Amino acid sequence: MKKEVTKSVAKGMKVALDVVIRTEANTASCLIMYQPKAPKELMNYRRNK
């Protein structure tokens, strides 16, 4: 039972994090601070490639 719950929680977290990553990959930052270069793997989540 515990293993099934853990797997379902892990699947839910993966979906939630994918949504957050897709949202953040397609938004721009408006802060006037140092922003490091985005990793190339982030391009996998962008709508416009």
C-alpha atoms as a PDB file:
ATOM      1  CA  MET A   1       0.000   0.000   0.000  1.00  0.00           C
ATOM      2  CA  LYS A   2       2.771   2.429   0.941  1.00  0.00           C
ATOM      3  CA  LYS A   3       4.595   1.734  -2.332  1.00  0.00           C
ATOM      4  CA  GLU A   4       1.438   2.493  -4.363  1.00  0.00           C
ATOM      5  CA  VAL A   5       0.891   5.769  -2.505  1.00  0.00           C
ATOM      6  CA  THR A   6       4.518   6.756  -3.018  1.00  0.00           C
ATOM      7  CA  LYS A   7       4.294   6.046  -6.745  1.00  0.00           C
ATOM      8  CA  SER A   8       1.082   8.054  -7.149  1.00  0.00           C
ATOM      9  CA  VAL A   9       2.552  10.995  -5.206  1.00  0.00           C
ATOM     10  CA  ALA A  10       5.691  10.850  -7.344  1.00  0.00           C
ATOM     11  CA  LYS A  11       3.627  10.884 -10.550  1.00  0.00           C
ATOM     12  CA  GLY A  12       1.614  13.854  -9.292  1.00  0.00           C
ATOM     13  CA  MET A  13       4.774  15.770  -8.363  1.00  0.00           C
ATOM     14  CA  LYS A  14       6.260  15.070 -11.808  1.00  0.00           C
ATOM     15  CA  VAL A  15       3.171  16.473 -13.535  1.00  0.00           C
ATOM     16  CA  ALA A  16       3.137  19.537 -11.268  1.00  0.00           C
ATOM     17  CA  LEU A  17       6.845  20.227 -11.822  1.00  0.00           C
ATOM     18  CA  ASP A  18       6.479  19.801 -15.596  1.00  0.00           C
ATOM     19  CA  VAL A  19       3.724  22.435 -15.579  1.00  0.00           C
ATOM     20  CA  VAL A  20       5.895  24.819 -13.549  1.00  0.00           C
ATOM     21  CA  ILE A  21       8.924  24.275 -15.796  1.00  0.00           C
ATOM     22  CA  ARG A  22       6.862  24.846 -18.966  1.00  0.00           C
ATOM     23  CA  THR A  23       5.381  28.028 -17.504  1.00  0.00           C
ATOM     24  CA  GLU A  24       8.738  29.391 -16.374  1.00  0.00           C
ATOM     25  CA  ALA A  25      10.433  28.514 -19.679  1.00  0.00           C
ATOM     26  CA  ASN A  26       7.948  30.709 -21.546  1.00  0.00           C
ATOM     27  CA  THR A  27       8.001  33.764 -19.282  1.00  0.00           C
ATOM     28  CA  ALA A  28      10.493  36.585 -19.060  1.00  0.00           C
ATOM     29  CA  SER A  29      12.045  37.967 -15.930  1.00  0.00           C
ATOM     30  CA  CYS A  30      11.606  41.666 -15.182  1.00  0.00           C
ATOM     31  CA  LEU A  31      14.154  41.935 -12.363  1.00  0.00           C
ATOM     32  CA  ILE A  32      17.229  44.107 -12.724  1.00  0.00           C
ATOM     33  CA  MET A  33      19.545  41.522 -11.231  1.00  0.00           C
ATOM     34  CA  TYR A  34      22.038  39.005 -12.523  1.00  0.00           C
ATOM     35  CA  GLN A  35      20.243  36.214 -14.343  1.00  0.00           C
ATOM     36  CA  PRO A  36      22.402  33.196 -15.199  1.00  0.00           C
ATOM     37  CA  LYS A  37      22.234  31.591 -18.634  1.00  0.00           C
ATOM     38  CA  ALA A  38      19.439  29.057 -19.003  1.00  0.00           C
ATOM     39  CA  PRO A  39      20.595  25.462 -19.411  1.00  0.00           C
ATOM     40  CA  LYS A  40      20.178  23.935 -22.864  1.00  0.00           C
ATOM     41  CA  GLU A  41      17.932  21.213 -21.418  1.00  0.00           C
ATOM     42  CA  LEU A  42      15.343  23.929 -20.706  1.00  0.00           C
ATOM     43  CA  MET A  43      14.754  24.230 -24.463  1.00  0.00           C
ATOM     44  CA  ASN A  44      12.957  20.844 -24.304  1.00  0.00           C
ATOM     45  CA  TYR A  45      10.089  22.521 -22.443  1.00  0.00           C
ATOM     46  CA  ARG A  46       9.671  25.619 -24.637  1.00  0.00           C
ATOM     47  CA  ARG A  47       6.716  25.994 -26.983  1.00  0.00           C
ATOM     48  CA  ASN A  48       8.770  27.910 -29.601  1.00  0.00           C
ATOM     49  CA  LYS A  49      11.950  26.086 -30.460  1.00  0.00           C
END
